C-alpha atoms as a PDB file:
ATOM      1  CA  UNK A   1      -1.325   7.679  -9.123  1.00  0.00           C
ATOM      2  CA  UNK A   2       1.550   5.259  -8.650  1.00  0.00           C
ATOM      3  CA  UNK A   3       2.036   2.756  -5.661  1.00  0.00           C
ATOM      4  CA  UNK A   4       5.478   0.987  -4.975  1.00  0.00           C
ATOM      5  CA  UNK A   5       5.628  -2.120  -2.979  1.00  0.00           C
ATOM      6  CA  UNK A   6       8.569  -3.735  -0.887  1.00  0.00           C
ATOM      7  CA  UNK A   7      10.271  -6.710  -2.143  1.00  0.00           C
ATOM      8  CA  UNK A   8       9.102  -8.424   1.231  1.00  0.00           C
ATOM      9  CA  UNK A   9       5.359  -8.173   0.036  1.00  0.00           C
ATOM     10  CA  UNK A  10       5.896  -8.860  -3.493  1.00  0.00           C
ATOM     11  CA  UNK A  11       7.531 -12.122  -2.814  1.00  0.00           C
ATOM     12  CA  UNK A  12       4.264 -13.287  -1.457  1.00  0.00           C
ATOM     13  CA  UNK A  13       2.417 -12.589  -4.694  1.00  0.00           C
ATOM     14  CA  UNK A  14       4.128 -14.241  -7.552  1.00  0.00           C
ATOM     15  CA  UNK A  15       4.136 -12.022 -10.889  1.00  0.00           C
ATOM     16  CA  UNK A  16       3.397  -8.970  -8.763  1.00  0.00           C
ATOM     17  CA  UNK A  17       5.466  -6.187 -10.089  1.00  0.00           C
ATOM     18  CA  UNK A  18       7.058  -3.795  -7.516  1.00  0.00           C
ATOM     19  CA  UNK A  19       5.251  -0.436  -9.061  1.00  0.00           C
ATOM     20  CA  UNK A  20       1.445  -0.197 -10.096  1.00  0.00           C
ATOM     21  CA  UNK A  21      -0.356   2.564 -11.561  1.00  0.00           C
ATOM     22  CA  UNK A  22      -4.053   3.030 -10.307  1.00  0.00           C
ATOM     23  CA  UNK A  23      -6.728   5.481 -10.031  1.00  0.00           C
ATOM     24  CA  UNK A  24      -7.985   6.185  -6.628  1.00  0.00           C
ATOM     25  CA  UNK A  25      -9.231   9.096  -4.481  1.00  0.00           C
ATOM     26  CA  UNK A  26      -7.958   7.878  -1.100  1.00  0.00           C
ATOM     27  CA  UNK A  27      -5.340   5.577   0.334  1.00  0.00           C
ATOM     28  CA  UNK A  28      -8.141   2.905   0.951  1.00  0.00           C
ATOM     29  CA  UNK A  29      -9.236   3.023  -2.709  1.00  0.00           C
ATOM     30  CA  UNK A  30      -5.728   2.365  -3.723  1.00  0.00           C
ATOM     31  CA  UNK A  31      -5.284  -0.504  -1.637  1.00  0.00           C
ATOM     32  CA  UNK A  32      -8.740  -1.706  -2.901  1.00  0.00           C
ATOM     33  CA  UNK A  33      -7.542  -1.484  -6.472  1.00  0.00           C
ATOM     34  CA  UNK A  34      -4.322  -3.482  -5.623  1.00  0.00           C
ATOM     35  CA  UNK A  35      -6.469  -6.305  -3.891  1.00  0.00           C
ATOM     36  CA  UNK A  36      -8.511  -6.484  -7.217  1.00  0.00           C
ATOM     37  CA  UNK A  37      -5.462  -7.164  -9.068  1.00  0.00           C
ATOM     38  CA  UNK A  38      -3.686  -9.381  -6.403  1.00  0.00           C
ATOM     39  CA  UNK A  39      -6.416 -10.907  -3.947  1.00  0.00           C
ATOM     40  CA  UNK A  40      -5.174 -10.995  -0.798  1.00  0.00           C
ATOM     41  CA  UNK A  41      -2.803  -7.971  -0.779  1.00  0.00           C
ATOM     42  CA  UNK A  42      -5.082  -5.930   1.314  1.00  0.00           C
ATOM     43  CA  UNK A  43      -4.994  -8.071   4.063  1.00  0.00           C
ATOM     44  CA  UNK A  44      -1.231  -7.982   4.114  1.00  0.00           C
ATOM     45  CA  UNK A  45      -1.512  -4.389   4.234  1.00  0.00           C
ATOM     46  CA  UNK A  46      -4.645  -3.545   6.436  1.00  0.00           C
ATOM     47  CA  UNK A  47      -5.912  -5.074   9.652  1.00  0.00           C
ATOM     48  CA  UNK A  48      -9.710  -5.753  10.366  1.00  0.00           C
ATOM     49  CA  UNK A  49     -10.363  -2.441  12.255  1.00  0.00           C
ATOM     50  CA  UNK A  50      -9.827  -1.167   9.315  1.00  0.00           C
ATOM     51  CA  UNK A  51      -6.389   0.437   9.388  1.00  0.00           C
ATOM     52  CA  UNK A  52      -3.110   0.207   8.140  1.00  0.00           C
ATOM     53  CA  UNK A  53      -1.209  -2.775   9.958  1.00  0.00           C
ATOM     54  CA  UNK A  54       1.167  -1.822  12.559  1.00  0.00           C
ATOM     55  CA  UNK A  55       4.253  -3.019  10.909  1.00  0.00           C
ATOM     56  CA  UNK A  56       3.354  -1.536   7.593  1.00  0.00           C
ATOM     57  CA  UNK A  57       3.953   2.276   6.784  1.00  0.00           C
ATOM     58  CA  UNK A  58       2.622   3.924   3.580  1.00  0.00           C
ATOM     59  CA  UNK A  59       4.116   7.464   2.702  1.00  0.00           C
ATOM     60  CA  UNK A  60       2.502   9.749   0.243  1.00  0.00           C
ATOM     61  CA  UNK A  61       5.395  12.305  -1.216  1.00  0.00           C
ATOM     62  CA  UNK A  62       7.418  11.382   1.992  1.00  0.00           C
ATOM     63  CA  UNK A  63       4.526  11.922   4.481  1.00  0.00           C
ATOM     64  CA  UNK A  64       2.844   8.938   6.741  1.00  0.00           C
ATOM     65  CA  UNK A  65      -0.581   8.335   5.642  1.00  0.00           C
ATOM     66  CA  UNK A  66      -3.684   6.683   6.924  1.00  0.00           C
ATOM     67  CA  UNK A  67      -6.521   4.887   4.732  1.00  0.00           C
ATOM     68  CA  UNK A  68      -8.627   7.976   4.626  1.00  0.00           C
ATOM     69  CA  UNK A  69      -6.021  10.183   3.305  1.00  0.00           C
ATOM     70  CA  UNK A  70      -7.051  11.829  -0.131  1.00  0.00           C
ATOM     71  CA  UNK A  71      -4.683  11.198  -2.810  1.00  0.00           C
ATOM     72  CA  UNK A  72      -3.827  14.179  -5.510  1.00  0.00           C
ATOM     73  CA  UNK A  73      -3.461  13.311  -9.207  1.00  0.00           C
ATOM     74  CA  UNK A  74      -0.043  12.293  -9.911  1.00  0.00           C
ATOM     75  CA  UNK A  75       0.954  11.465  -6.334  1.00  0.00           C
ATOM     76  CA  UNK A  76       3.135   8.513  -5.464  1.00  0.00           C
ATOM     77  CA  UNK A  77       2.763   5.962  -2.533  1.00  0.00           C
ATOM     78  CA  UNK A  78       5.469   4.029  -1.117  1.00  0.00           C
ATOM     79  CA  UNK A  79       4.744   0.882   1.158  1.00  0.00           C
ATOM     80  CA  UNK A  80       7.477   0.013   3.438  1.00  0.00           C
ATOM     81  CA  UNK A  81       7.597  -2.754   6.067  1.00  0.00           C
ATOM     82  CA  UNK A  82       8.960  -1.628   9.374  1.00  0.00           C
ATOM     83  CA  UNK A  83      12.365  -3.238  10.389  1.00  0.00           C
ATOM     84  CA  UNK A  84      12.408  -4.308  14.036  1.00  0.00           C
ATOM     85  CA  UNK A  85      14.979  -5.855  16.089  1.00  0.00           C
ATOM     86  CA  UNK A  86      16.995  -5.587  19.199  1.00  0.00           C
END
């Protein structure tokens, strides 16, 4: 499966590419694989409950997911930071 990361997150991890290919059964497994390659990345995506952080959205083929969401082979996850303002 493939994971696409936003530039705002990539800037925090020098040398981190914007797309990663990993093998994972769930969204949580995919994030764990990212954290293995880029330690600390999981803490930017997940809180301590554990859940996806409030201002982070992760989509699987256009549908918002949770950490428990299963990943079919060949799927694509898109990580987006929320945009807020007033």
